[in-house]
Amino acid sequence: MSKIILTRIDDRLVHGQIFMQWCGEVNADMILIANNDAAASHFKQGLMDMAVPADIETRYWSIKETIIRYQKMENDYRIFLVVRSPEDLVELIKGGLDVQKVNIGNLQMAEGKIQKTTSVSVNEDDIKAFRQLKDMGCQMEIKRLPQSEPEDFNAVIS
């Protein structure tokens, strides 16, 4: 059975340096991008595929499709799950995905968001979702690269 070995929240989804390093660190053989917009755009998928090592498979599924298809996966994949927001991850867990550890990579500054750490800016919906994830038992860590020092997650939800 396939297993999610790392889940990352990153509003950029897939990009070069991060995925080359994280895939090697966790020995993933599949990157599963659970995102409605990416699932609907072959153009975006093609751009993201350029950043993925050649020996790693990719899947681009909507949130709903991820919930349904993950349960039916037949091969034994070591999955690196990527979502754009903490709200998306809450939906996936409520839908039955088993997520234990969450890496928070990057949530960019945007209108209505407050910068909480060097790489994480959040709005009230994000904070609520992060609190839900914590209550669901997810172990969360803000870490851009595998060798980076983790930032204080509690700063995000305070």
Protein backbone atom coordinates (compact mmCIF):
# COMPACT_ATOMS: atom_id res chain seq x y z
CA MET A 1 0.00 0.00 0.00
CA SER A 2 1.17 3.50 -0.77
CA LYS A 3 2.18 5.74 2.11
CA ILE A 4 2.39 9.50 2.50
CA ILE A 5 5.90 10.05 3.83
CA LEU A 6 5.84 13.83 3.89
CA THR A 7 3.19 16.47 3.37
CA ARG A 8 4.19 20.00 2.41
CA ILE A 9 2.11 23.15 2.36
CA ASP A 10 3.61 25.50 -0.21
CA ASP A 11 1.59 28.03 -2.18
CA ARG A 12 4.05 27.70 -5.08
CA LEU A 13 3.32 23.94 -5.19
CA VAL A 14 6.27 22.48 -7.14
CA HIS A 15 9.49 24.34 -7.85
CA GLY A 16 13.06 23.26 -8.55
CA GLN A 17 15.52 23.50 -5.68
CA ILE A 18 13.01 22.55 -3.03
CA PHE A 19 11.83 19.38 -4.69
CA MET A 20 15.24 18.16 -5.76
CA GLN A 21 16.34 18.36 -2.12
CA TRP A 22 13.17 17.18 -0.36
CA CYS A 23 12.59 14.19 -2.68
CA GLY A 24 16.12 12.99 -2.00
CA GLU A 25 15.77 13.57 1.73
CA VAL A 26 12.59 11.52 2.13
CA ASN A 27 13.27 9.05 -0.70
CA ALA A 28 9.95 9.76 -2.41
CA ASP A 29 9.07 8.05 -5.66
CA MET A 30 5.90 10.06 -6.30
CA ILE A 31 4.87 13.67 -5.84
CA LEU A 32 1.12 14.01 -5.47
CA ILE A 33 -0.08 17.58 -5.97
CA ALA A 34 -3.57 17.93 -4.49
CA ASN A 35 -4.83 21.18 -5.94
CA ASN A 36 -7.93 21.99 -7.95
CA ASP A 37 -6.25 24.58 -10.21
CA ALA A 38 -3.18 22.45 -11.00
CA ALA A 39 -5.37 19.41 -11.69
CA ALA A 40 -7.31 21.41 -14.30
CA SER A 41 -4.31 22.87 -16.15
CA HIS A 42 -2.03 20.73 -18.32
CA PHE A 43 0.07 23.85 -18.92
CA LYS A 44 0.76 24.31 -15.19
CA GLN A 45 1.45 20.60 -14.84
CA GLY A 46 4.03 20.76 -17.62
CA LEU A 47 5.81 23.66 -15.97
CA MET A 48 5.89 21.90 -12.60
CA ASP A 49 7.06 18.63 -14.14
CA MET A 50 10.20 20.43 -15.33
CA ALA A 51 11.16 20.92 -11.66
CA VAL A 52 10.71 17.27 -10.68
CA PRO A 53 13.56 14.76 -10.89
CA ALA A 54 13.09 12.41 -13.88
CA ASP A 55 12.82 9.28 -11.73
CA ILE A 56 9.91 10.67 -9.68
CA GLU A 57 6.33 10.18 -10.84
CA THR A 58 3.82 13.02 -10.50
CA ARG A 59 0.06 13.10 -10.10
CA TYR A 60 -2.08 16.22 -10.26
CA TRP A 61 -5.43 15.60 -8.63
CA SER A 62 -8.16 17.87 -7.30
CA ILE A 63 -8.84 17.73 -3.57
CA LYS A 64 -11.90 15.52 -4.10
CA GLU A 65 -10.10 13.30 -6.59
CA THR A 66 -7.18 12.86 -4.18
CA ILE A 67 -9.52 11.63 -1.44
CA ILE A 68 -11.11 9.09 -3.79
CA ARG A 69 -8.04 7.92 -5.72
CA TYR A 70 -5.58 7.70 -2.82
CA GLN A 71 -7.70 5.01 -1.18
CA LYS A 72 -7.61 2.95 -4.40
CA MET A 73 -3.91 3.19 -5.24
CA GLU A 74 -2.55 -0.23 -6.07
CA ASN A 75 1.20 0.33 -6.24
CA ASP A 76 3.42 0.85 -3.23
CA TYR A 77 4.47 4.45 -3.61
CA ARG A 78 6.38 6.60 -1.14
CA ILE A 79 4.34 9.77 -1.61
CA PHE A 80 5.38 13.36 -1.12
CA LEU A 81 2.00 15.13 -0.85
CA VAL A 82 1.90 18.83 -1.74
CA VAL A 83 -1.00 21.22 -1.10
CA ARG A 84 -1.31 24.96 -1.60
CA SER A 85 -3.01 25.83 1.71
CA PRO A 86 -3.71 24.53 5.19
CA GLU A 87 -7.44 24.62 4.34
CA ASP A 88 -6.86 22.09 1.54
CA LEU A 89 -5.02 19.81 3.94
CA VAL A 90 -7.86 19.95 6.47
CA GLU A 91 -10.24 18.78 3.70
CA LEU A 92 -7.94 15.90 2.76
CA ILE A 93 -7.61 14.68 6.33
CA LYS A 94 -11.35 14.95 6.90
CA GLY A 95 -11.71 12.88 3.71
CA GLY A 96 -9.61 10.09 5.15
CA LEU A 97 -5.98 10.73 4.24
CA ASP A 98 -3.56 9.77 6.99
CA VAL A 99 -1.22 12.71 7.47
CA GLN A 100 1.08 12.68 10.47
CA LYS A 101 3.83 15.17 9.68
CA VAL A 102 3.42 18.47 7.87
CA ASN A 103 6.21 20.60 6.47
CA ILE A 104 5.18 24.21 6.02
CA GLY A 105 7.36 25.59 3.28
CA ASN A 106 6.12 28.87 1.95
CA LEU A 107 2.96 30.94 2.19
CA GLN A 108 3.66 34.21 0.43
CA MET A 109 2.59 37.64 1.57
CA ALA A 110 -0.63 38.80 -0.09
CA GLU A 111 -3.42 41.24 0.58
CA GLY A 112 -5.13 40.43 3.88
CA LYS A 113 -2.22 38.34 5.17
CA ILE A 114 0.16 39.01 8.03
CA GLN A 115 3.76 37.84 7.92
CA LYS A 116 4.39 35.53 10.90
CA THR A 117 7.82 34.07 10.03
CA THR A 118 10.34 34.68 7.27
CA SER A 119 8.49 32.32 4.92
CA VAL A 120 4.92 32.17 6.23
CA SER A 121 2.20 34.80 5.89
CA VAL A 122 -1.33 33.95 6.96
CA ASN A 123 -4.87 35.26 7.16
CA GLU A 124 -7.56 34.32 9.69
CA ASP A 125 -8.71 31.31 7.61
CA ASP A 126 -5.15 29.97 7.50
CA ILE A 127 -4.75 30.36 11.26
CA LYS A 128 -8.05 28.56 11.87
CA ALA A 129 -6.99 25.72 9.55
CA PHE A 130 -3.57 25.41 11.21
CA ARG A 131 -5.26 25.16 14.61
CA GLN A 132 -7.54 22.44 13.22
CA LEU A 133 -4.54 20.54 11.88
CA LYS A 134 -2.84 20.76 15.25
CA ASP A 135 -6.04 19.50 16.94
CA MET A 136 -6.14 16.62 14.42
CA GLY A 137 -2.74 15.51 15.70
CA CYS A 138 -0.57 16.74 12.84
CA GLN A 139 3.02 17.39 13.77
CA MET A 140 3.93 20.67 12.05
CA GLU A 141 7.25 22.22 11.21
CA ILE A 142 8.22 25.30 9.23
CA LYS A 143 11.28 24.36 7.24
CA ARG A 144 12.21 25.55 3.77
CA LEU A 145 14.95 23.00 3.04
CA PRO A 146 15.89 19.73 4.73
CA GLN A 147 19.09 21.23 6.16
CA SER A 148 17.39 24.46 7.34
CA GLU A 149 16.73 25.16 10.98
CA PRO A 150 12.99 24.92 11.73
CA GLU A 151 11.13 28.12 12.51
CA ASP A 152 8.70 28.40 15.42
CA PHE A 153 5.31 27.06 14.34
CA ASN A 154 3.58 28.57 17.39
CA ALA A 155 4.32 32.02 15.96
CA VAL A 156 1.93 31.21 13.11
CA ILE A 157 -1.11 30.43 15.26
CA SER A 158 -0.63 33.07 17.94
